[in-house]
Amino acid sequence: MPDDLKAAFQIAVERVRELAERPDNDTLLKLYALYKQGSEGDASGPKPGFFDFVGTAKHEAWVKLKGMSRDEAMLKYIDLVERLGHPADGTARS
């Protein structure tokens, strides 16, 4: 994977922590799944226990991305973070 993509991905990971507003739960699941797919590839390990609702939701979101390349996941993660960090008119938040 290109070094510039990895660098942009790391910057996006840092930017998530600086968002003015906390994303909704569906967006958080997308961010989590794209991050895991981009950093680790296809989901591995056992599914969390039945009563671990958050862990199960995260795992299932990641499993849905099976087969997506790490590069594609990183690009989608970066794009999503960009959209979260800017209002609809495209200007940066202060």
C-alpha atoms as a PDB file:
ATOM      1  CA  MET A   1       0.000   0.000   0.000  1.00  0.00           C
ATOM      2  CA  PRO A   2       1.335   3.453  -0.825  1.00  0.00           C
ATOM      3  CA  ASP A   3       2.956   5.369   2.001  1.00  0.00           C
ATOM      4  CA  ASP A   4       0.935   8.498   1.185  1.00  0.00           C
ATOM      5  CA  LEU A   5      -2.305   6.526   1.620  1.00  0.00           C
ATOM      6  CA  LYS A   6      -1.125   5.186   4.976  1.00  0.00           C
ATOM      7  CA  ALA A   7      -0.192   8.724   6.057  1.00  0.00           C
ATOM      8  CA  ALA A   8      -3.570  10.132   4.966  1.00  0.00           C
ATOM      9  CA  PHE A   9      -5.312   7.262   6.794  1.00  0.00           C
ATOM     10  CA  GLN A  10      -3.402   8.032  10.013  1.00  0.00           C
ATOM     11  CA  ILE A  11      -4.296  11.718   9.717  1.00  0.00           C
ATOM     12  CA  ALA A  12      -7.968  10.776   9.292  1.00  0.00           C
ATOM     13  CA  VAL A  13      -7.760   8.534  12.373  1.00  0.00           C
ATOM     14  CA  GLU A  14      -6.455  11.498  14.373  1.00  0.00           C
ATOM     15  CA  ARG A  15      -9.094  13.844  12.925  1.00  0.00           C
ATOM     16  CA  VAL A  16     -11.906  11.584  14.145  1.00  0.00           C
ATOM     17  CA  ARG A  17     -10.889  12.386  17.712  1.00  0.00           C
ATOM     18  CA  GLU A  18     -11.184  16.114  16.940  1.00  0.00           C
ATOM     19  CA  LEU A  19     -14.654  16.176  15.388  1.00  0.00           C
ATOM     20  CA  ALA A  20     -16.860  18.958  16.713  1.00  0.00           C
ATOM     21  CA  GLU A  21     -19.832  16.605  17.054  1.00  0.00           C
ATOM     22  CA  ARG A  22     -20.002  12.937  17.946  1.00  0.00           C
ATOM     23  CA  PRO A  23     -21.287  10.940  14.950  1.00  0.00           C
ATOM     24  CA  ASP A  24     -24.449   8.860  15.293  1.00  0.00           C
ATOM     25  CA  ASN A  25     -24.132   5.157  16.132  1.00  0.00           C
ATOM     26  CA  ASP A  26     -24.507   3.962  12.521  1.00  0.00           C
ATOM     27  CA  THR A  27     -21.689   6.257  11.418  1.00  0.00           C
ATOM     28  CA  LEU A  28     -19.536   5.136  14.346  1.00  0.00           C
ATOM     29  CA  LEU A  29     -20.041   1.509  13.249  1.00  0.00           C
ATOM     30  CA  LYS A  30     -19.037   2.425   9.678  1.00  0.00           C
ATOM     31  CA  LEU A  31     -15.938   4.192  10.960  1.00  0.00           C
ATOM     32  CA  TYR A  32     -15.029   1.225  13.141  1.00  0.00           C
ATOM     33  CA  ALA A  33     -15.536  -1.324  10.375  1.00  0.00           C
ATOM     34  CA  LEU A  34     -13.608   0.699   7.787  1.00  0.00           C
ATOM     35  CA  TYR A  35     -10.804   1.297  10.282  1.00  0.00           C
ATOM     36  CA  LYS A  36     -10.504  -2.401  11.119  1.00  0.00           C
ATOM     37  CA  GLN A  37     -10.706  -3.456   7.458  1.00  0.00           C
ATOM     38  CA  GLY A  38      -8.124  -0.829   6.500  1.00  0.00           C
ATOM     39  CA  SER A  39      -5.733  -1.662   9.294  1.00  0.00           C
ATOM     40  CA  GLU A  40      -6.188  -5.443   9.656  1.00  0.00           C
ATOM     41  CA  GLY A  41      -8.044  -6.743   6.598  1.00  0.00           C
ATOM     42  CA  ASP A  42     -10.914  -9.229   6.799  1.00  0.00           C
ATOM     43  CA  ALA A  43     -12.479  -9.879  10.202  1.00  0.00           C
ATOM     44  CA  SER A  44     -10.862 -12.606  12.233  1.00  0.00           C
ATOM     45  CA  GLY A  45     -11.447 -14.220  15.565  1.00  0.00           C
ATOM     46  CA  PRO A  46     -14.651 -15.397  17.168  1.00  0.00           C
ATOM     47  CA  LYS A  47     -17.836 -13.350  17.244  1.00  0.00           C
ATOM     48  CA  PRO A  48     -18.369 -11.718  20.657  1.00  0.00           C
ATOM     49  CA  GLY A  49     -20.806 -13.331  23.070  1.00  0.00           C
ATOM     50  CA  PHE A  50     -24.567 -12.950  22.697  1.00  0.00           C
ATOM     51  CA  PHE A  51     -24.877 -10.410  25.503  1.00  0.00           C
ATOM     52  CA  ASP A  52     -22.027  -8.239  24.230  1.00  0.00           C
ATOM     53  CA  PHE A  53     -24.343  -6.138  22.076  1.00  0.00           C
ATOM     54  CA  VAL A  54     -21.797  -3.445  21.191  1.00  0.00           C
ATOM     55  CA  GLY A  55     -19.049  -5.950  20.432  1.00  0.00           C
ATOM     56  CA  THR A  56     -21.415  -8.009  18.290  1.00  0.00           C
ATOM     57  CA  ALA A  57     -22.568  -4.942  16.323  1.00  0.00           C
ATOM     58  CA  LYS A  58     -18.963  -3.910  15.715  1.00  0.00           C
ATOM     59  CA  HIS A  59     -17.946  -7.399  14.639  1.00  0.00           C
ATOM     60  CA  GLU A  60     -20.928  -7.743  12.286  1.00  0.00           C
ATOM     61  CA  ALA A  61     -20.202  -4.339  10.694  1.00  0.00           C
ATOM     62  CA  TRP A  62     -16.600  -5.432  10.086  1.00  0.00           C
ATOM     63  CA  VAL A  63     -17.620  -8.846   8.700  1.00  0.00           C
ATOM     64  CA  LYS A  64     -19.847  -7.087   6.117  1.00  0.00           C
ATOM     65  CA  LEU A  65     -16.687  -5.614   4.567  1.00  0.00           C
ATOM     66  CA  LYS A  66     -15.136  -9.035   3.913  1.00  0.00           C
ATOM     67  CA  GLY A  67     -13.220  -9.003   0.655  1.00  0.00           C
ATOM     68  CA  MET A  68     -12.784  -5.217   0.525  1.00  0.00           C
ATOM     69  CA  SER A  69      -9.121  -4.378   0.017  1.00  0.00           C
ATOM     70  CA  ARG A  70      -7.283  -2.579   2.777  1.00  0.00           C
ATOM     71  CA  ASP A  71      -6.554   0.304   0.393  1.00  0.00           C
ATOM     72  CA  GLU A  72     -10.227   0.693  -0.545  1.00  0.00           C
ATOM     73  CA  ALA A  73     -11.254   0.625   3.129  1.00  0.00           C
ATOM     74  CA  MET A  74      -8.678   3.301   3.951  1.00  0.00           C
ATOM     75  CA  LEU A  75      -9.920   5.497   1.100  1.00  0.00           C
ATOM     76  CA  LYS A  76     -13.544   5.100   2.234  1.00  0.00           C
ATOM     77  CA  TYR A  77     -12.547   5.855   5.837  1.00  0.00           C
ATOM     78  CA  ILE A  78     -10.693   9.007   4.770  1.00  0.00           C
ATOM     79  CA  ASP A  79     -13.681  10.110   2.652  1.00  0.00           C
ATOM     80  CA  LEU A  80     -16.127   9.543   5.514  1.00  0.00           C
ATOM     81  CA  VAL A  81     -13.977  11.497   7.964  1.00  0.00           C
ATOM     82  CA  GLU A  82     -13.702  14.337   5.435  1.00  0.00           C
ATOM     83  CA  ARG A  83     -17.496  14.453   5.087  1.00  0.00           C
ATOM     84  CA  LEU A  84     -17.934  14.445   8.875  1.00  0.00           C
ATOM     85  CA  GLY A  85     -15.420  17.256   9.301  1.00  0.00           C
ATOM     86  CA  HIS A  86     -17.028  19.625   6.830  1.00  0.00           C
ATOM     87  CA  PRO A  87     -20.555  21.003   6.535  1.00  0.00           C
ATOM     88  CA  ALA A  88     -22.522  20.455   3.326  1.00  0.00           C
ATOM     89  CA  ASP A  89     -21.249  23.675   1.690  1.00  0.00           C
ATOM     90  CA  GLY A  90     -17.688  22.304   1.766  1.00  0.00           C
ATOM     91  CA  THR A  91     -16.162  24.913   4.034  1.00  0.00           C
ATOM     92  CA  ALA A  92     -14.071  23.803   6.969  1.00  0.00           C
ATOM     93  CA  ARG A  93     -15.445  24.019  10.476  1.00  0.00           C
ATOM     94  CA  SER A  94     -13.627  26.280  12.858  1.00  0.00           C
END
